Amino acid sequence: MAHEFNNLLTIVSGYAELLLADKNESDPEHSDLQRIVHASQRGAELVRSLLAFSRKSEMNFTPVNLNREVEQVKKLLDRTLPKMIEIELNLSDGLKTVEADSGQIRQLLMNMALNARDAMPEGGILSIGTNNIGEGHLSAPSGAKPGDYVQLTVSDTGIGMDGETLDR
């Protein structure tokens, strides 16, 4: 089923890219076609995530600029979240590259942002930050390997979880 869905996404993406090649950036259809290409790529990433989750596919670890991933997700969130939710980025300059699956990182950020949205029905602030963390400042589970780390933080001004949700 995942293979069939990926085939469909490849066709959608391919035709959209062909149409996009004939358009100038000033054409009204240009941005719509870019959205179709981006959405089909996101769909393919979701399929990979589902396969990885079901352990039928390995995650694709590559060097990732976490700041770039956060900025890409913010562009999507700007169009997705209600306008009464402000998105605040606190991205560290000179952030080190991490080995990660960029699709998983984006999915994680989207899930956390959507949870934050649900916790802020009247609006609020969603903050996403990155930071280089030296070995001496690491507050990681015991057994973490010595070294430098990159920290990703996500917080919101929402109402928090009720006791029943917290227990789950």
C-alpha atoms as a PDB file:
ATOM      1  CA  MET A   1       0.000   0.000   0.000  1.00  0.00           C
ATOM      2  CA  ALA A   2       2.816   2.412   0.890  1.00  0.00           C
ATOM      3  CA  HIS A   3       4.575   1.522  -2.366  1.00  0.00           C
ATOM      4  CA  GLU A   4       1.410   2.270  -4.373  1.00  0.00           C
ATOM      5  CA  PHE A   5       0.935   5.582  -2.577  1.00  0.00           C
ATOM      6  CA  ASN A   6       4.560   6.536  -3.265  1.00  0.00           C
ATOM      7  CA  ASN A   7       3.990   5.748  -6.959  1.00  0.00           C
ATOM      8  CA  LEU A   8       1.000   8.111  -7.017  1.00  0.00           C
ATOM      9  CA  LEU A   9       2.990  10.842  -5.275  1.00  0.00           C
ATOM     10  CA  THR A  10       5.795  10.428  -7.801  1.00  0.00           C
ATOM     11  CA  ILE A  11       3.338  10.951 -10.659  1.00  0.00           C
ATOM     12  CA  VAL A  12       1.775  14.029  -9.022  1.00  0.00           C
ATOM     13  CA  SER A  13       5.170  15.507  -8.243  1.00  0.00           C
ATOM     14  CA  GLY A  14       6.521  14.728 -11.715  1.00  0.00           C
ATOM     15  CA  TYR A  15       3.635  16.389 -13.549  1.00  0.00           C
ATOM     16  CA  ALA A  16       3.727  19.398 -11.232  1.00  0.00           C
ATOM     17  CA  GLU A  17       7.471  19.790 -11.843  1.00  0.00           C
ATOM     18  CA  LEU A  18       6.936  19.561 -15.614  1.00  0.00           C
ATOM     19  CA  LEU A  19       4.286  22.277 -15.451  1.00  0.00           C
ATOM     20  CA  LEU A  20       6.488  24.346 -13.149  1.00  0.00           C
ATOM     21  CA  ALA A  21       9.349  24.234 -15.641  1.00  0.00           C
ATOM     22  CA  ASP A  22       7.172  26.156 -18.131  1.00  0.00           C
ATOM     23  CA  LYS A  23       6.279  28.919 -15.657  1.00  0.00           C
ATOM     24  CA  ASN A  24       8.082  32.075 -14.624  1.00  0.00           C
ATOM     25  CA  GLU A  25       8.086  33.060 -10.967  1.00  0.00           C
ATOM     26  CA  SER A  26       5.744  35.928 -11.879  1.00  0.00           C
ATOM     27  CA  ASP A  27       3.073  33.535 -13.209  1.00  0.00           C
ATOM     28  CA  PRO A  28       0.136  33.174 -10.801  1.00  0.00           C
ATOM     29  CA  GLU A  29       0.283  29.379 -11.091  1.00  0.00           C
ATOM     30  CA  HIS A  30       3.962  29.197 -10.135  1.00  0.00           C
ATOM     31  CA  SER A  31       3.433  29.294  -6.358  1.00  0.00           C
ATOM     32  CA  ASP A  32       0.503  26.861  -6.561  1.00  0.00           C
ATOM     33  CA  LEU A  33       2.625  24.376  -8.486  1.00  0.00           C
ATOM     34  CA  GLN A  34       5.447  24.787  -5.970  1.00  0.00           C
ATOM     35  CA  ARG A  35       2.951  23.965  -3.213  1.00  0.00           C
ATOM     36  CA  ILE A  36       1.894  20.806  -5.065  1.00  0.00           C
ATOM     37  CA  VAL A  37       5.516  19.694  -5.430  1.00  0.00           C
ATOM     38  CA  HIS A  38       6.210  20.457  -1.765  1.00  0.00           C
ATOM     39  CA  ALA A  39       3.039  18.665  -0.616  1.00  0.00           C
ATOM     40  CA  SER A  40       3.898  15.562  -2.640  1.00  0.00           C
ATOM     41  CA  GLN A  41       7.399  15.555  -1.138  1.00  0.00           C
ATOM     42  CA  ARG A  42       5.893  15.856   2.342  1.00  0.00           C
ATOM     43  CA  GLY A  43       3.549  12.984   1.520  1.00  0.00           C
ATOM     44  CA  ALA A  44       6.505  10.820   0.520  1.00  0.00           C
ATOM     45  CA  GLU A  45       8.266  11.756   3.773  1.00  0.00           C
ATOM     46  CA  LEU A  46       5.158  10.782   5.733  1.00  0.00           C
ATOM     47  CA  VAL A  47       5.103   7.389   4.032  1.00  0.00           C
ATOM     48  CA  ARG A  48       8.779   6.910   4.938  1.00  0.00           C
ATOM     49  CA  SER A  49       7.973   7.941   8.517  1.00  0.00           C
ATOM     50  CA  LEU A  50       5.118   5.470   8.736  1.00  0.00           C
ATOM     51  CA  LEU A  51       7.306   2.709   7.334  1.00  0.00           C
ATOM     52  CA  ALA A  52      10.071   3.580   9.790  1.00  0.00           C
ATOM     53  CA  PHE A  53       7.532   3.607  12.606  1.00  0.00           C
ATOM     54  CA  SER A  54       6.320   0.173  11.591  1.00  0.00           C
ATOM     55  CA  ARG A  55       9.981  -0.922  11.313  1.00  0.00           C
ATOM     56  CA  LYS A  56       9.653  -1.750   7.631  1.00  0.00           C
ATOM     57  CA  SER A  57      12.075   0.977   6.590  1.00  0.00           C
ATOM     58  CA  GLU A  58      15.262   2.381   8.000  1.00  0.00           C
ATOM     59  CA  MET A  59      15.437   6.033   8.852  1.00  0.00           C
ATOM     60  CA  ASN A  60      17.621   8.091   6.551  1.00  0.00           C
ATOM     61  CA  PHE A  61      20.257   9.777   8.715  1.00  0.00           C
ATOM     62  CA  THR A  62      22.115  12.532   6.891  1.00  0.00           C
ATOM     63  CA  PRO A  63      23.844  15.754   7.957  1.00  0.00           C
ATOM     64  CA  VAL A  64      21.042  18.188   8.811  1.00  0.00           C
ATOM     65  CA  ASN A  65      21.048  21.914   9.494  1.00  0.00           C
ATOM     66  CA  LEU A  66      18.442  22.027  12.261  1.00  0.00           C
ATOM     67  CA  ASN A  67      17.925  25.787  11.869  1.00  0.00           C
ATOM     68  CA  ARG A  68      17.002  25.283   8.207  1.00  0.00           C
ATOM     69  CA  GLU A  69      14.523  22.541   9.131  1.00  0.00           C
ATOM     70  CA  VAL A  70      12.900  24.789  11.758  1.00  0.00           C
ATOM     71  CA  GLU A  71      12.646  27.660   9.260  1.00  0.00           C
ATOM     72  CA  GLN A  72      11.027  25.359   6.665  1.00  0.00           C
ATOM     73  CA  VAL A  73       8.469  24.130   9.191  1.00  0.00           C
ATOM     74  CA  LYS A  74       7.748  27.711  10.266  1.00  0.00           C
ATOM     75  CA  LYS A  75       6.793  28.611   6.684  1.00  0.00           C
ATOM     76  CA  LEU A  76       4.240  25.824   6.729  1.00  0.00           C
ATOM     77  CA  LEU A  77       3.021  26.714  10.225  1.00  0.00           C
ATOM     78  CA  ASP A  78       2.556  30.358   9.209  1.00  0.00           C
ATOM     79  CA  ARG A  79      -0.083  29.147   6.748  1.00  0.00           C
ATOM     80  CA  THR A  80      -1.504  26.422   8.996  1.00  0.00           C
ATOM     81  CA  LEU A  81      -1.797  27.811  12.514  1.00  0.00           C
ATOM     82  CA  PRO A  82      -4.425  30.409  13.435  1.00  0.00           C
ATOM     83  CA  LYS A  83      -3.171  33.996  13.213  1.00  0.00           C
ATOM     84  CA  MET A  84      -3.731  34.442  16.969  1.00  0.00           C
ATOM     85  CA  ILE A  85      -0.777  32.111  17.564  1.00  0.00           C
ATOM     86  CA  GLU A  86       2.557  33.864  17.238  1.00  0.00           C
ATOM     87  CA  ILE A  87       5.536  31.747  16.215  1.00  0.00           C
ATOM     88  CA  GLU A  88       8.765  32.873  17.819  1.00  0.00           C
ATOM     89  CA  LEU A  89      12.097  31.458  16.624  1.00  0.00           C
ATOM     90  CA  ASN A  90      15.228  31.611  18.760  1.00  0.00           C
ATOM     91  CA  LEU A  91      17.799  29.997  16.490  1.00  0.00           C
ATOM     92  CA  SER A  92      21.433  29.929  17.509  1.00  0.00           C
ATOM     93  CA  ASP A  93      23.997  31.300  15.063  1.00  0.00           C
ATOM     94  CA  GLY A  94      26.745  28.863  14.171  1.00  0.00           C
ATOM     95  CA  LEU A  95      24.625  25.833  15.031  1.00  0.00           C
ATOM     96  CA  LYS A  96      26.438  22.551  14.504  1.00  0.00           C
ATOM     97  CA  THR A  97      25.185  20.049  11.956  1.00  0.00           C
ATOM     98  CA  VAL A  98      23.401  16.988  13.324  1.00  0.00           C
ATOM     99  CA  GLU A  99      22.952  13.484  11.926  1.00  0.00           C
ATOM    100  CA  ALA A 100      19.209  13.009  11.658  1.00  0.00           C
ATOM    101  CA  ASP A 101      16.318  12.110   9.393  1.00  0.00           C
ATOM    102  CA  SER A 102      15.071  15.509   8.203  1.00  0.00           C
ATOM    103  CA  GLY A 103      11.591  14.138   7.493  1.00  0.00           C
ATOM    104  CA  GLN A 104      11.351  12.870  11.064  1.00  0.00           C
ATOM    105  CA  ILE A 105      12.545  16.222  12.417  1.00  0.00           C
ATOM    106  CA  ARG A 106       9.912  18.106  10.402  1.00  0.00           C
ATOM    107  CA  GLN A 107       7.211  15.630  11.443  1.00  0.00           C
ATOM    108  CA  LEU A 108       8.201  15.991  15.087  1.00  0.00           C
ATOM    109  CA  LEU A 109       8.047  19.783  14.871  1.00  0.00           C
ATOM    110  CA  MET A 110       4.680  19.708  13.101  1.00  0.00           C
ATOM    111  CA  ASN A 111       3.205  17.332  15.689  1.00  0.00           C
ATOM    112  CA  MET A 112       4.456  19.473  18.565  1.00  0.00           C
ATOM    113  CA  ALA A 113       3.130  22.646  16.917  1.00  0.00           C
ATOM    114  CA  LEU A 114      -0.295  21.099  16.362  1.00  0.00           C
ATOM    115  CA  ASN A 115      -0.387  19.956  19.990  1.00  0.00           C
ATOM    116  CA  ALA A 116       0.548  23.494  21.021  1.00  0.00           C
ATOM    117  CA  ARG A 117      -2.254  24.880  18.838  1.00  0.00           C
ATOM    118  CA  ASP A 118      -4.745  22.638  20.620  1.00  0.00           C
ATOM    119  CA  ALA A 119      -3.452  23.885  23.983  1.00  0.00           C
ATOM    120  CA  MET A 120      -3.887  27.541  22.965  1.00  0.00           C
ATOM    121  CA  PRO A 121      -7.518  27.892  21.811  1.00  0.00           C
ATOM    122  CA  GLU A 122      -7.460  31.622  22.613  1.00  0.00           C
ATOM    123  CA  GLY A 123      -4.035  32.156  21.020  1.00  0.00           C
ATOM    124  CA  GLY A 124      -0.574  32.479  22.446  1.00  0.00           C
ATOM    125  CA  ILE A 125       3.086  32.054  21.611  1.00  0.00           C
ATOM    126  CA  LEU A 126       4.782  28.979  20.173  1.00  0.00           C
ATOM    127  CA  SER A 127       8.540  29.198  20.703  1.00  0.00           C
ATOM    128  CA  ILE A 128      11.077  27.033  18.890  1.00  0.00           C
ATOM    129  CA  GLY A 129      14.766  27.345  19.660  1.00  0.00           C
ATOM    130  CA  THR A 130      18.085  25.748  18.891  1.00  0.00           C
ATOM    131  CA  ASN A 131      21.366  25.890  20.733  1.00  0.00           C
ATOM    132  CA  ASN A 132      24.791  24.269  20.793  1.00  0.00           C
ATOM    133  CA  ILE A 133      25.292  22.475  24.106  1.00  0.00           C
ATOM    134  CA  GLY A 134      28.734  21.613  25.364  1.00  0.00           C
ATOM    135  CA  GLU A 135      29.380  18.386  27.196  1.00  0.00           C
ATOM    136  CA  GLY A 136      29.544  20.127  30.589  1.00  0.00           C
ATOM    137  CA  HIS A 137      26.048  21.594  30.180  1.00  0.00           C
ATOM    138  CA  LEU A 138      24.357  18.422  29.056  1.00  0.00           C
ATOM    139  CA  SER A 139      21.285  17.325  30.957  1.00  0.00           C
ATOM    140  CA  ALA A 140      20.766  14.067  29.112  1.00  0.00           C
ATOM    141  CA  PRO A 141      19.796  10.632  30.329  1.00  0.00           C
ATOM    142  CA  SER A 142      22.625   8.724  31.941  1.00  0.00           C
ATOM    143  CA  GLY A 143      24.649   6.797  29.429  1.00  0.00           C
ATOM    144  CA  ALA A 144      24.833   9.641  26.909  1.00  0.00           C
ATOM    145  CA  LYS A 145      28.141   9.647  25.107  1.00  0.00           C
ATOM    146  CA  PRO A 146      30.498  12.506  25.983  1.00  0.00           C
ATOM    147  CA  GLY A 147      30.603  15.215  23.350  1.00  0.00           C
ATOM    148  CA  ASP A 148      28.890  18.270  22.003  1.00  0.00           C
ATOM    149  CA  TYR A 149      25.171  18.267  21.326  1.00  0.00           C
ATOM    150  CA  VAL A 150      22.558  20.404  19.614  1.00  0.00           C
ATOM    151  CA  GLN A 151      19.487  21.245  21.656  1.00  0.00           C
ATOM    152  CA  LEU A 152      16.026  21.755  20.155  1.00  0.00           C
ATOM    153  CA  THR A 153      13.427  23.333  22.429  1.00  0.00           C
ATOM    154  CA  VAL A 154       9.725  23.762  21.791  1.00  0.00           C
ATOM    155  CA  SER A 155       7.454  25.542  24.236  1.00  0.00           C
ATOM    156  CA  ASP A 156       4.097  27.289  24.220  1.00  0.00           C
ATOM    157  CA  THR A 157       1.958  29.470  26.441  1.00  0.00           C
ATOM    158  CA  GLY A 158      -0.950  27.010  26.338  1.00  0.00           C
ATOM    159  CA  ILE A 159      -3.080  25.671  29.140  1.00  0.00           C
ATOM    160  CA  GLY A 160      -1.083  22.470  29.564  1.00  0.00           C
ATOM    161  CA  MET A 161      -2.396  18.950  29.964  1.00  0.00           C
ATOM    162  CA  ASP A 162      -5.169  17.897  32.282  1.00  0.00           C
ATOM    163  CA  GLY A 163      -4.470  15.129  34.787  1.00  0.00           C
ATOM    164  CA  GLU A 164      -6.060  12.388  32.678  1.00  0.00           C
ATOM    165  CA  THR A 165      -3.948  13.272  29.621  1.00  0.00           C
ATOM    166  CA  LEU A 166      -0.832  13.527  31.748  1.00  0.00           C
ATOM    167  CA  ASP A 167      -1.466  10.054  33.203  1.00  0.00           C
ATOM    168  CA  ARG A 168      -1.574   8.617  29.664  1.00  0.00           C
END
